[in-house]
PDB file of all heavy atoms in Angstrom:
ATOM      1  N   PRO A   1     -39.231 -27.572  14.458  1.00  0.00           N
ATOM      2  CA  PRO A   1     -38.364 -28.791  14.656  1.00  0.00           C
ATOM      3  C   PRO A   1     -37.427 -28.901  13.505  1.00  0.00           C
ATOM      4  O   PRO A   1     -36.176 -29.412  13.805  1.00  0.00           O
ATOM      5  CB  PRO A   1     -39.392 -29.888  14.614  1.00  0.00           C
ATOM      6  CG  PRO A   1     -40.655 -29.281  15.083  1.00  0.00           C
ATOM      7  CD  PRO A   1     -40.642 -27.869  14.522  1.00  0.00           C
ATOM      8  N   GLN A   2     -37.701 -28.489  12.302  1.00  0.00           N
ATOM      9  CA  GLN A   2     -36.782 -28.579  11.222  1.00  0.00           C
ATOM     10  C   GLN A   2     -35.640 -27.609  11.399  1.00  0.00           C
ATOM     11  O   GLN A   2     -34.511 -27.918  11.013  1.00  0.00           O
ATOM     12  CB  GLN A   2     -37.508 -28.210   9.859  1.00  0.00           C
ATOM     13  CG  GLN A   2     -38.550 -29.289   9.418  1.00  0.00           C
ATOM     14  CD  GLN A   2     -39.890 -29.121  10.034  1.00  0.00           C
ATOM     15  OE1 GLN A   2     -40.138 -28.063  10.723  1.00  0.00           O
ATOM     16  NE2 GLN A   2     -40.760 -30.074   9.974  1.00  0.00           N
ATOM     17  N   ASP A   3     -35.940 -26.451  11.878  1.00  0.00           N
ATOM     18  CA  ASP A   3     -34.779 -25.491  12.176  1.00  0.00           C
ATOM     19  C   ASP A   3     -33.864 -26.009  13.242  1.00  0.00           C
ATOM     20  O   ASP A   3     -32.709 -25.862  13.058  1.00  0.00           O
ATOM     21  CB  ASP A   3     -35.509 -24.079  12.722  1.00  0.00           C
ATOM     22  CG  ASP A   3     -36.123 -23.372  11.646  1.00  0.00           C
ATOM     23  OD1 ASP A   3     -36.008 -23.510  10.552  1.00  0.00           O
ATOM     24  OD2 ASP A   3     -36.984 -22.407  12.062  1.00  0.00           O
ATOM     25  N   VAL A   4     -34.436 -26.599  14.296  1.00  0.00           N
ATOM     26  CA  VAL A   4     -33.612 -27.127  15.254  1.00  0.00           C
ATOM     27  C   VAL A   4     -32.698 -28.341  14.781  1.00  0.00           C
ATOM     28  O   VAL A   4     -31.552 -28.383  15.137  1.00  0.00           O
ATOM     29  CB  VAL A   4     -34.436 -27.583  16.532  1.00  0.00           C
ATOM     30  CG1 VAL A   4     -33.652 -28.283  17.620  1.00  0.00           C
ATOM     31  CG2 VAL A   4     -35.187 -26.497  17.134  1.00  0.00           C
ATOM     32  N   ALA A   5     -33.383 -29.202  14.033  1.00  0.00           N
ATOM     33  CA  ALA A   5     -32.622 -30.219  13.392  1.00  0.00           C
ATOM     34  C   ALA A   5     -31.547 -29.809  12.543  1.00  0.00           C
ATOM     35  O   ALA A   5     -30.333 -30.292  12.509  1.00  0.00           O
ATOM     36  CB  ALA A   5     -33.556 -31.159  12.607  1.00  0.00           C
ATOM     37  N   GLN A   6     -31.721 -28.743  11.774  1.00  0.00           N
ATOM     38  CA  GLN A   6     -30.689 -28.117  10.826  1.00  0.00           C
ATOM     39  C   GLN A   6     -29.615 -27.507  11.647  1.00  0.00           C
ATOM     40  O   GLN A   6     -28.452 -27.686  11.365  1.00  0.00           O
ATOM     41  CB  GLN A   6     -31.390 -27.136   9.950  1.00  0.00           C
ATOM     42  CG  GLN A   6     -30.424 -26.665   8.823  1.00  0.00           C
ATOM     43  CD  GLN A   6     -31.050 -25.632   7.848  1.00  0.00           C
ATOM     44  OE1 GLN A   6     -32.227 -25.246   8.164  1.00  0.00           O
ATOM     45  NE2 GLN A   6     -30.443 -25.390   6.809  1.00  0.00           N
ATOM     46  N   LEU A   7     -29.944 -26.938  12.805  1.00  0.00           N
ATOM     47  CA  LEU A   7     -29.032 -26.324  13.718  1.00  0.00           C
ATOM     48  C   LEU A   7     -28.060 -27.386  14.246  1.00  0.00           C
ATOM     49  O   LEU A   7     -26.866 -27.296  14.191  1.00  0.00           O
ATOM     50  CB  LEU A   7     -29.658 -25.609  14.887  1.00  0.00           C
ATOM     51  CG  LEU A   7     -28.795 -25.217  15.969  1.00  0.00           C
ATOM     52  CD1 LEU A   7     -27.748 -24.110  15.568  1.00  0.00           C
ATOM     53  CD2 LEU A   7     -29.593 -24.591  17.133  1.00  0.00           C
ATOM     54  N   LYS A   8     -28.629 -28.464  14.727  1.00  0.00           N
ATOM     55  CA  LYS A   8     -27.874 -29.685  15.172  1.00  0.00           C
ATOM     56  C   LYS A   8     -26.959 -30.170  14.224  1.00  0.00           C
ATOM     57  O   LYS A   8     -25.792 -30.417  14.437  1.00  0.00           O
ATOM     58  CB  LYS A   8     -28.787 -30.663  15.822  1.00  0.00           C
ATOM     59  CG  LYS A   8     -29.438 -30.257  17.113  1.00  0.00           C
ATOM     60  CD  LYS A   8     -30.424 -31.442  17.660  1.00  0.00           C
ATOM     61  CE  LYS A   8     -31.060 -30.892  18.931  1.00  0.00           C
ATOM     62  NZ  LYS A   8     -31.915 -31.906  19.436  1.00  0.00           N
ATOM     63  N   SER A   9     -27.451 -30.396  12.989  1.00  0.00           N
ATOM     64  CA  SER A   9     -26.701 -30.985  11.844  1.00  0.00           C
ATOM     65  C   SER A   9     -25.520 -29.997  11.509  1.00  0.00           C
ATOM     66  O   SER A   9     -24.396 -30.439  11.382  1.00  0.00           O
ATOM     67  CB  SER A   9     -27.552 -31.211  10.753  1.00  0.00           C
ATOM     68  OG  SER A   9     -26.882 -31.554   9.617  1.00  0.00           O
ATOM     69  N   LEU A  10     -25.787 -28.754  11.347  1.00  0.00           N
ATOM     70  CA  LEU A  10     -24.675 -27.939  10.984  1.00  0.00           C
ATOM     71  C   LEU A  10     -23.722 -27.666  12.041  1.00  0.00           C
ATOM     72  O   LEU A  10     -22.473 -27.644  11.757  1.00  0.00           O
ATOM     73  CB  LEU A  10     -25.316 -26.468  10.605  1.00  0.00           C
ATOM     74  CG  LEU A  10     -26.110 -26.463   9.274  1.00  0.00           C
ATOM     75  CD1 LEU A  10     -26.873 -25.139   9.183  1.00  0.00           C
ATOM     76  CD2 LEU A  10     -25.261 -26.708   8.047  1.00  0.00           C
ATOM     77  N   ALA A  11     -24.058 -27.681  13.316  1.00  0.00           N
ATOM     78  CA  ALA A  11     -23.215 -27.619  14.469  1.00  0.00           C
ATOM     79  C   ALA A  11     -22.186 -28.867  14.495  1.00  0.00           C
ATOM     80  O   ALA A  11     -21.048 -28.656  14.807  1.00  0.00           O
ATOM     81  CB  ALA A  11     -23.880 -27.377  15.668  1.00  0.00           C
ATOM     82  N   ALA A  12     -22.824 -29.985  14.256  1.00  0.00           N
ATOM     83  CA  ALA A  12     -22.045 -31.238  14.275  1.00  0.00           C
ATOM     84  C   ALA A  12     -20.963 -31.252  13.120  1.00  0.00           C
ATOM     85  O   ALA A  12     -20.016 -31.946  13.257  1.00  0.00           O
ATOM     86  CB  ALA A  12     -22.908 -32.363  14.103  1.00  0.00           C
ATOM     87  N   GLN A  13     -21.216 -30.499  12.070  1.00  0.00           N
ATOM     88  CA  GLN A  13     -20.287 -30.347  10.943  1.00  0.00           C
ATOM     89  C   GLN A  13     -19.261 -29.251  11.013  1.00  0.00           C
ATOM     90  O   GLN A  13     -18.607 -28.898  10.099  1.00  0.00           O
ATOM     91  CB  GLN A  13     -21.033 -30.265   9.568  1.00  0.00           C
ATOM     92  CG  GLN A  13     -21.974 -31.296   9.347  1.00  0.00           C
ATOM     93  CD  GLN A  13     -22.894 -30.971   8.139  1.00  0.00           C
ATOM     94  OE1 GLN A  13     -22.762 -30.020   7.442  1.00  0.00           O
ATOM     95  NE2 GLN A  13     -23.909 -31.887   7.906  1.00  0.00           N
ATOM     96  N   ASN A  14     -19.174 -28.629  12.247  1.00  0.00           N
ATOM     97  CA  ASN A  14     -18.278 -27.516  12.536  1.00  0.00           C
ATOM     98  C   ASN A  14     -18.530 -26.294  11.735  1.00  0.00           C
ATOM     99  O   ASN A  14     -17.631 -25.602  11.328  1.00  0.00           O
ATOM    100  CB  ASN A  14     -16.814 -27.874  12.409  1.00  0.00           C
ATOM    101  CG  ASN A  14     -16.355 -28.792  13.512  1.00  0.00           C
ATOM    102  OD1 ASN A  14     -16.848 -28.788  14.612  1.00  0.00           O
ATOM    103  ND2 ASN A  14     -15.381 -29.611  13.172  1.00  0.00           N
ATOM    104  N   THR A  15     -19.768 -26.107  11.280  1.00  0.00           N
ATOM    105  CA  THR A  15     -20.062 -24.898  10.518  1.00  0.00           C
ATOM    106  C   THR A  15     -20.036 -23.623  11.351  1.00  0.00           C
ATOM    107  O   THR A  15     -20.606 -23.679  12.513  1.00  0.00           O
ATOM    108  CB  THR A  15     -21.573 -25.011  10.020  1.00  0.00           C
ATOM    109  OG1 THR A  15     -21.639 -26.226   9.293  1.00  0.00           O
ATOM    110  CG2 THR A  15     -21.852 -23.886   8.963  1.00  0.00           C
ATOM    111  N   PRO A  16     -19.369 -22.609  10.843  1.00  0.00           N
ATOM    112  CA  PRO A  16     -19.278 -21.356  11.709  1.00  0.00           C
ATOM    113  C   PRO A  16     -20.791 -20.827  11.984  1.00  0.00           C
ATOM    114  O   PRO A  16     -21.705 -20.951  11.239  1.00  0.00           O
ATOM    115  CB  PRO A  16     -18.618 -20.275  10.793  1.00  0.00           C
ATOM    116  CG  PRO A  16     -17.858 -21.312   9.816  1.00  0.00           C
ATOM    117  CD  PRO A  16     -18.669 -22.521   9.661  1.00  0.00           C
ATOM    118  N   THR A  17     -20.871 -20.139  13.223  1.00  0.00           N
ATOM    119  CA  THR A  17     -22.013 -19.695  13.706  1.00  0.00           C
ATOM    120  C   THR A  17     -22.839 -18.689  12.715  1.00  0.00           C
ATOM    121  O   THR A  17     -23.942 -18.702  12.449  1.00  0.00           O
ATOM    122  CB  THR A  17     -21.989 -19.023  15.091  1.00  0.00           C
ATOM    123  OG1 THR A  17     -21.149 -19.791  15.883  1.00  0.00           O
ATOM    124  CG2 THR A  17     -23.275 -18.665  15.666  1.00  0.00           C
ATOM    125  N   ARG A  18     -22.028 -17.869  12.082  1.00  0.00           N
ATOM    126  CA  ARG A  18     -22.583 -16.873  11.123  1.00  0.00           C
ATOM    127  C   ARG A  18     -23.208 -17.642   9.866  1.00  0.00           C
ATOM    128  O   ARG A  18     -24.263 -17.201   9.375  1.00  0.00           O
ATOM    129  CB  ARG A  18     -21.378 -15.910  10.619  1.00  0.00           C
ATOM    130  CG  ARG A  18     -21.819 -14.878   9.665  1.00  0.00           C
ATOM    131  CD  ARG A  18     -22.767 -13.835  10.265  1.00  0.00           C
ATOM    132  NE  ARG A  18     -23.221 -12.945   9.267  1.00  0.00           N
ATOM    133  CZ  ARG A  18     -24.395 -12.472   9.269  1.00  0.00           C
ATOM    134  NH1 ARG A  18     -25.283 -12.783  10.121  1.00  0.00           N
ATOM    135  NH2 ARG A  18     -24.753 -11.570   8.323  1.00  0.00           N
ATOM    136  N   VAL A  19     -22.446 -18.627   9.460  1.00  0.00           N
ATOM    137  CA  VAL A  19     -23.067 -19.355   8.241  1.00  0.00           C
ATOM    138  C   VAL A  19     -24.265 -20.155   8.644  1.00  0.00           C
ATOM    139  O   VAL A  19     -25.306 -20.190   7.916  1.00  0.00           O
ATOM    140  CB  VAL A  19     -21.908 -20.388   7.732  1.00  0.00           C
ATOM    141  CG1 VAL A  19     -22.505 -21.208   6.592  1.00  0.00           C
ATOM    142  CG2 VAL A  19     -20.672 -19.573   7.275  1.00  0.00           C
ATOM    143  N   ILE A  20     -24.331 -20.700   9.910  1.00  0.00           N
ATOM    144  CA  ILE A  20     -25.539 -21.315  10.402  1.00  0.00           C
ATOM    145  C   ILE A  20     -26.685 -20.355  10.385  1.00  0.00           C
ATOM    146  O   ILE A  20     -27.833 -20.634   9.881  1.00  0.00           O
ATOM    147  CB  ILE A  20     -25.360 -22.002  11.723  1.00  0.00           C
ATOM    148  CG1 ILE A  20     -24.335 -23.103  11.778  1.00  0.00           C
ATOM    149  CG2 ILE A  20     -26.666 -22.445  12.354  1.00  0.00           C
ATOM    150  CD1 ILE A  20     -23.949 -23.571  13.202  1.00  0.00           C
ATOM    151  N   GLY A  21     -26.393 -19.081  10.888  1.00  0.00           N
ATOM    152  CA  GLY A  21     -27.449 -18.214  10.925  1.00  0.00           C
ATOM    153  C   GLY A  21     -27.955 -17.706   9.585  1.00  0.00           C
ATOM    154  O   GLY A  21     -29.095 -17.528   9.350  1.00  0.00           O
ATOM    155  N   LEU A  22     -27.060 -17.599   8.606  1.00  0.00           N
ATOM    156  CA  LEU A  22     -27.472 -17.345   7.244  1.00  0.00           C
ATOM    157  C   LEU A  22     -28.343 -18.423   6.640  1.00  0.00           C
ATOM    158  O   LEU A  22     -29.336 -18.192   5.950  1.00  0.00           O
ATOM    159  CB  LEU A  22     -26.269 -17.040   6.283  1.00  0.00           C
ATOM    160  CG  LEU A  22     -25.505 -15.758   6.573  1.00  0.00           C
ATOM    161  CD1 LEU A  22     -24.274 -15.581   5.868  1.00  0.00           C
ATOM    162  CD2 LEU A  22     -26.412 -14.527   6.386  1.00  0.00           C
ATOM    163  N   LYS A  23     -27.967 -19.729   6.834  1.00  0.00           N
ATOM    164  CA  LYS A  23     -28.616 -20.819   6.203  1.00  0.00           C
ATOM    165  C   LYS A  23     -30.066 -21.011   6.882  1.00  0.00           C
ATOM    166  O   LYS A  23     -31.029 -21.326   6.226  1.00  0.00           O
ATOM    167  CB  LYS A  23     -27.946 -22.044   6.391  1.00  0.00           C
ATOM    168  CG  LYS A  23     -26.669 -22.151   5.512  1.00  0.00           C
ATOM    169  CD  LYS A  23     -25.939 -23.501   5.487  1.00  0.00           C
ATOM    170  CE  LYS A  23     -24.840 -23.438   4.584  1.00  0.00           C
ATOM    171  NZ  LYS A  23     -24.418 -24.817   4.285  1.00  0.00           N
ATOM    172  N   ILE A  24     -30.155 -20.702   8.267  1.00  0.00           N
ATOM    173  CA  ILE A  24     -31.480 -20.864   8.896  1.00  0.00           C
ATOM    174  C   ILE A  24     -32.266 -19.627   8.799  1.00  0.00           C
ATOM    175  O   ILE A  24     -33.456 -19.633   8.906  1.00  0.00           O
ATOM    176  CB  ILE A  24     -31.283 -21.299  10.412  1.00  0.00           C
ATOM    177  CG1 ILE A  24     -30.565 -22.653  10.391  1.00  0.00           C
ATOM    178  CG2 ILE A  24     -32.512 -21.432  11.172  1.00  0.00           C
ATOM    179  CD1 ILE A  24     -30.158 -23.162  11.784  1.00  0.00           C
ATOM    180  N   GLY A  25     -31.567 -18.514   8.548  1.00  0.00           N
ATOM    181  CA  GLY A  25     -32.285 -17.209   8.502  1.00  0.00           C
ATOM    182  C   GLY A  25     -32.538 -16.560   9.748  1.00  0.00           C
ATOM    183  O   GLY A  25     -33.512 -15.924  10.187  1.00  0.00           O
ATOM    184  N   ARG A  26     -31.540 -16.743  10.739  1.00  0.00           N
ATOM    185  CA  ARG A  26     -31.501 -16.185  12.129  1.00  0.00           C
ATOM    186  C   ARG A  26     -30.198 -15.474  12.359  1.00  0.00           C
ATOM    187  O   ARG A  26     -29.236 -15.608  11.699  1.00  0.00           O
ATOM    188  CB  ARG A  26     -31.731 -17.326  13.116  1.00  0.00           C
ATOM    189  CG  ARG A  26     -32.854 -18.230  12.973  1.00  0.00           C
ATOM    190  CD  ARG A  26     -34.065 -17.691  13.411  1.00  0.00           C
ATOM    191  NE  ARG A  26     -35.202 -18.611  13.207  1.00  0.00           N
ATOM    192  CZ  ARG A  26     -36.327 -18.563  13.916  1.00  0.00           C
ATOM    193  NH1 ARG A  26     -36.515 -17.689  14.743  1.00  0.00           N
ATOM    194  NH2 ARG A  26     -37.298 -19.436  13.520  1.00  0.00           N
ATOM    195  N   THR A  27     -30.246 -14.670  13.377  1.00  0.00           N
ATOM    196  CA  THR A  27     -29.163 -13.829  13.734  1.00  0.00           C
ATOM    197  C   THR A  27     -28.151 -14.862  14.522  1.00  0.00           C
ATOM    198  O   THR A  27     -28.525 -15.930  15.092  1.00  0.00           O
ATOM    199  CB  THR A  27     -29.391 -12.627  14.616  1.00  0.00           C
ATOM    200  OG1 THR A  27     -30.075 -13.105  15.908  1.00  0.00           O
ATOM    201  CG2 THR A  27     -30.361 -11.687  13.960  1.00  0.00           C
ATOM    202  N   GLU A  28     -26.910 -14.366  14.760  1.00  0.00           N
ATOM    203  CA  GLU A  28     -25.895 -15.163  15.446  1.00  0.00           C
ATOM    204  C   GLU A  28     -26.331 -15.322  16.785  1.00  0.00           C
ATOM    205  O   GLU A  28     -26.266 -16.400  17.457  1.00  0.00           O
ATOM    206  CB  GLU A  28     -24.569 -14.482  15.359  1.00  0.00           C
ATOM    207  CG  GLU A  28     -23.765 -14.733  14.169  1.00  0.00           C
ATOM    208  CD  GLU A  28     -22.479 -14.168  14.188  1.00  0.00           C
ATOM    209  OE1 GLU A  28     -22.251 -13.031  13.814  1.00  0.00           O
ATOM    210  OE2 GLU A  28     -21.503 -14.881  14.625  1.00  0.00           O
ATOM    211  N   SER A  29     -26.876 -14.272  17.487  1.00  0.00           N
ATOM    212  CA  SER A  29     -27.241 -14.375  18.798  1.00  0.00           C
ATOM    213  C   SER A  29     -28.425 -15.290  19.025  1.00  0.00           C
ATOM    214  O   SER A  29     -28.550 -16.016  19.969  1.00  0.00           O
ATOM    215  CB  SER A  29     -27.626 -12.919  19.388  1.00  0.00           C
ATOM    216  OG  SER A  29     -28.714 -12.390  18.727  1.00  0.00           O
ATOM    217  N   ALA A  30     -29.307 -15.320  18.109  1.00  0.00           N
ATOM    218  CA  ALA A  30     -30.463 -16.349  18.146  1.00  0.00           C
ATOM    219  C   ALA A  30     -29.897 -17.777  18.026  1.00  0.00           C
ATOM    220  O   ALA A  30     -30.406 -18.636  18.718  1.00  0.00           O
ATOM    221  CB  ALA A  30     -31.380 -16.063  16.928  1.00  0.00           C
ATOM    222  N   ILE A  31     -28.912 -17.977  17.190  1.00  0.00           N
ATOM    223  CA  ILE A  31     -28.249 -19.270  17.113  1.00  0.00           C
ATOM    224  C   ILE A  31     -27.635 -19.686  18.372  1.00  0.00           C
ATOM    225  O   ILE A  31     -27.876 -20.778  18.848  1.00  0.00           O
ATOM    226  CB  ILE A  31     -27.157 -19.321  16.017  1.00  0.00           C
ATOM    227  CG1 ILE A  31     -27.776 -18.917  14.619  1.00  0.00           C
ATOM    228  CG2 ILE A  31     -26.489 -20.607  15.925  1.00  0.00           C
ATOM    229  CD1 ILE A  31     -28.816 -19.956  14.107  1.00  0.00           C
ATOM    230  N   TYR A  32     -26.886 -18.777  19.130  1.00  0.00           N
ATOM    231  CA  TYR A  32     -26.275 -19.049  20.390  1.00  0.00           C
ATOM    232  C   TYR A  32     -27.307 -19.310  21.367  1.00  0.00           C
ATOM    233  O   TYR A  32     -27.237 -20.341  22.247  1.00  0.00           O
ATOM    234  CB  TYR A  32     -25.421 -17.881  20.837  1.00  0.00           C
ATOM    235  CG  TYR A  32     -24.094 -17.757  20.153  1.00  0.00           C
ATOM    236  CD1 TYR A  32     -23.710 -16.679  19.403  1.00  0.00           C
ATOM    237  CD2 TYR A  32     -23.137 -18.802  20.298  1.00  0.00           C
ATOM    238  CE1 TYR A  32     -22.474 -16.551  18.731  1.00  0.00           C
ATOM    239  CE2 TYR A  32     -21.795 -18.696  19.630  1.00  0.00           C
ATOM    240  CZ  TYR A  32     -21.581 -17.541  18.916  1.00  0.00           C
ATOM    241  OH  TYR A  32     -20.368 -17.498  18.297  1.00  0.00           O
ATOM    242  N   THR A  33     -28.387 -18.656  21.410  1.00  0.00           N
ATOM    243  CA  THR A  33     -29.422 -18.805  22.461  1.00  0.00           C
ATOM    244  C   THR A  33     -30.107 -20.157  22.230  1.00  0.00           C
ATOM    245  O   THR A  33     -30.352 -20.914  23.231  1.00  0.00           O
ATOM    246  CB  THR A  33     -30.461 -17.692  22.400  1.00  0.00           C
ATOM    247  OG1 THR A  33     -29.813 -16.451  22.534  1.00  0.00           O
ATOM    248  CG2 THR A  33     -31.507 -17.890  23.331  1.00  0.00           C
ATOM    249  N   GLN A  34     -30.425 -20.494  20.995  1.00  0.00           N
ATOM    250  CA  GLN A  34     -31.188 -21.736  20.785  1.00  0.00           C
ATOM    251  C   GLN A  34     -30.289 -22.930  21.051  1.00  0.00           C
ATOM    252  O   GLN A  34     -30.675 -23.924  21.604  1.00  0.00           O
ATOM    253  CB  GLN A  34     -31.683 -21.795  19.369  1.00  0.00           C
ATOM    254  CG  GLN A  34     -32.607 -22.914  19.059  1.00  0.00           C
ATOM    255  CD  GLN A  34     -33.984 -22.828  19.717  1.00  0.00           C
ATOM    256  OE1 GLN A  34     -34.393 -21.789  20.209  1.00  0.00           O
ATOM    257  NE2 GLN A  34     -34.578 -23.947  19.916  1.00  0.00           N
ATOM    258  N   ALA A  35     -29.062 -22.824  20.629  1.00  0.00           N
ATOM    259  CA  ALA A  35     -28.013 -23.855  20.927  1.00  0.00           C
ATOM    260  C   ALA A  35     -27.909 -24.151  22.434  1.00  0.00           C
ATOM    261  O   ALA A  35     -27.886 -25.296  22.853  1.00  0.00           O
ATOM    262  CB  ALA A  35     -26.735 -23.609  20.255  1.00  0.00           C
ATOM    263  N   SER A  36     -27.796 -23.051  23.151  1.00  0.00           N
ATOM    264  CA  SER A  36     -27.674 -23.176  24.611  1.00  0.00           C
ATOM    265  C   SER A  36     -29.054 -23.918  25.168  1.00  0.00           C
ATOM    266  O   SER A  36     -28.818 -24.758  26.049  1.00  0.00           O
ATOM    267  CB  SER A  36     -27.535 -21.786  25.266  1.00  0.00           C
ATOM    268  OG  SER A  36     -27.605 -21.850  26.615  1.00  0.00           O
ATOM    269  N   GLN A  37     -30.219 -23.452  24.732  1.00  0.00           N
ATOM    270  CA  GLN A  37     -31.389 -23.986  25.193  1.00  0.00           C
ATOM    271  C   GLN A  37     -31.537 -25.532  24.908  1.00  0.00           C
ATOM    272  O   GLN A  37     -32.059 -26.206  25.684  1.00  0.00           O
ATOM    273  CB  GLN A  37     -32.610 -23.321  24.667  1.00  0.00           C
ATOM    274  CG  GLN A  37     -32.734 -21.937  25.247  1.00  0.00           C
ATOM    275  CD  GLN A  37     -33.884 -21.137  24.687  1.00  0.00           C
ATOM    276  OE1 GLN A  37     -34.529 -21.655  23.676  1.00  0.00           O
ATOM    277  NE2 GLN A  37     -34.096 -19.950  25.124  1.00  0.00           N
ATOM    278  N   LYS A  38     -31.008 -25.891  23.676  1.00  0.00           N
ATOM    279  CA  LYS A  38     -31.193 -27.293  23.247  1.00  0.00           C
ATOM    280  C   LYS A  38     -30.013 -28.181  23.585  1.00  0.00           C
ATOM    281  O   LYS A  38     -29.968 -29.341  23.247  1.00  0.00           O
ATOM    282  CB  LYS A  38     -31.459 -27.325  21.673  1.00  0.00           C
ATOM    283  CG  LYS A  38     -32.638 -26.650  21.245  1.00  0.00           C
ATOM    284  CD  LYS A  38     -33.906 -27.302  21.861  1.00  0.00           C
ATOM    285  CE  LYS A  38     -35.146 -26.507  21.293  1.00  0.00           C
ATOM    286  NZ  LYS A  38     -36.404 -27.114  21.849  1.00  0.00           N
ATOM    287  N   GLY A  39     -28.968 -27.589  24.218  1.00  0.00           N
ATOM    288  CA  GLY A  39     -27.797 -28.336  24.651  1.00  0.00           C
ATOM    289  C   GLY A  39     -26.922 -28.794  23.486  1.00  0.00           C
ATOM    290  O   GLY A  39     -26.187 -29.776  23.399  1.00  0.00           O
ATOM    291  N   VAL A  40     -26.819 -27.861  22.455  1.00  0.00           N
ATOM    292  CA  VAL A  40     -26.020 -28.082  21.260  1.00  0.00           C
ATOM    293  C   VAL A  40     -24.730 -27.272  21.465  1.00  0.00           C
ATOM    294  O   VAL A  40     -24.721 -26.153  21.628  1.00  0.00           O
ATOM    295  CB  VAL A  40     -26.757 -27.723  19.954  1.00  0.00           C
ATOM    296  CG1 VAL A  40     -25.881 -27.797  18.726  1.00  0.00           C
ATOM    297  CG2 VAL A  40     -28.013 -28.416  19.731  1.00  0.00           C
ATOM    298  N   SER A  41     -23.543 -27.995  21.229  1.00  0.00           N
ATOM    299  CA  SER A  41     -22.298 -27.397  21.376  1.00  0.00           C
ATOM    300  C   SER A  41     -21.970 -26.742  20.051  1.00  0.00           C
ATOM    301  O   SER A  41     -21.986 -27.397  19.009  1.00  0.00           O
ATOM    302  CB  SER A  41     -21.308 -28.420  21.719  1.00  0.00           C
ATOM    303  OG  SER A  41     -19.970 -27.869  21.826  1.00  0.00           O
ATOM    304  N   LEU A  42     -21.502 -25.491  20.128  1.00  0.00           N
ATOM    305  CA  LEU A  42     -21.027 -24.806  18.888  1.00  0.00           C
ATOM    306  C   LEU A  42     -19.526 -24.706  18.865  1.00  0.00           C
ATOM    307  O   LEU A  42     -18.948 -24.159  17.981  1.00  0.00           O
ATOM    308  CB  LEU A  42     -21.591 -23.369  18.896  1.00  0.00           C
ATOM    309  CG  LEU A  42     -23.138 -23.324  18.809  1.00  0.00           C
ATOM    310  CD1 LEU A  42     -23.670 -21.868  18.841  1.00  0.00           C
ATOM    311  CD2 LEU A  42     -23.569 -23.954  17.422  1.00  0.00           C
ATOM    312  N   ALA A  43     -18.783 -25.269  19.835  1.00  0.00           N
ATOM    313  CA  ALA A  43     -17.402 -25.342  19.846  1.00  0.00           C
ATOM    314  C   ALA A  43     -16.778 -26.143  18.783  1.00  0.00           C
ATOM    315  O   ALA A  43     -17.389 -27.329  18.550  1.00  0.00           O
ATOM    316  CB  ALA A  43     -16.899 -25.845  21.266  1.00  0.00           C
TER     317      ALA A  43
END
C-alpha cells in the first residue's frame, strides 16, 4: 500500500515515469501496469 500511495503522489506531481520507477524501485513497465490497474493517470 505504501508503494501504491507513493505512485499516486508522484504521478500527481507530474514526476516522469522513469523517475517514479527509480524512487519506488520498479521498472517503467511495472509503473505503467500498476498505474493502469489502480486508475492513476500518468499524463
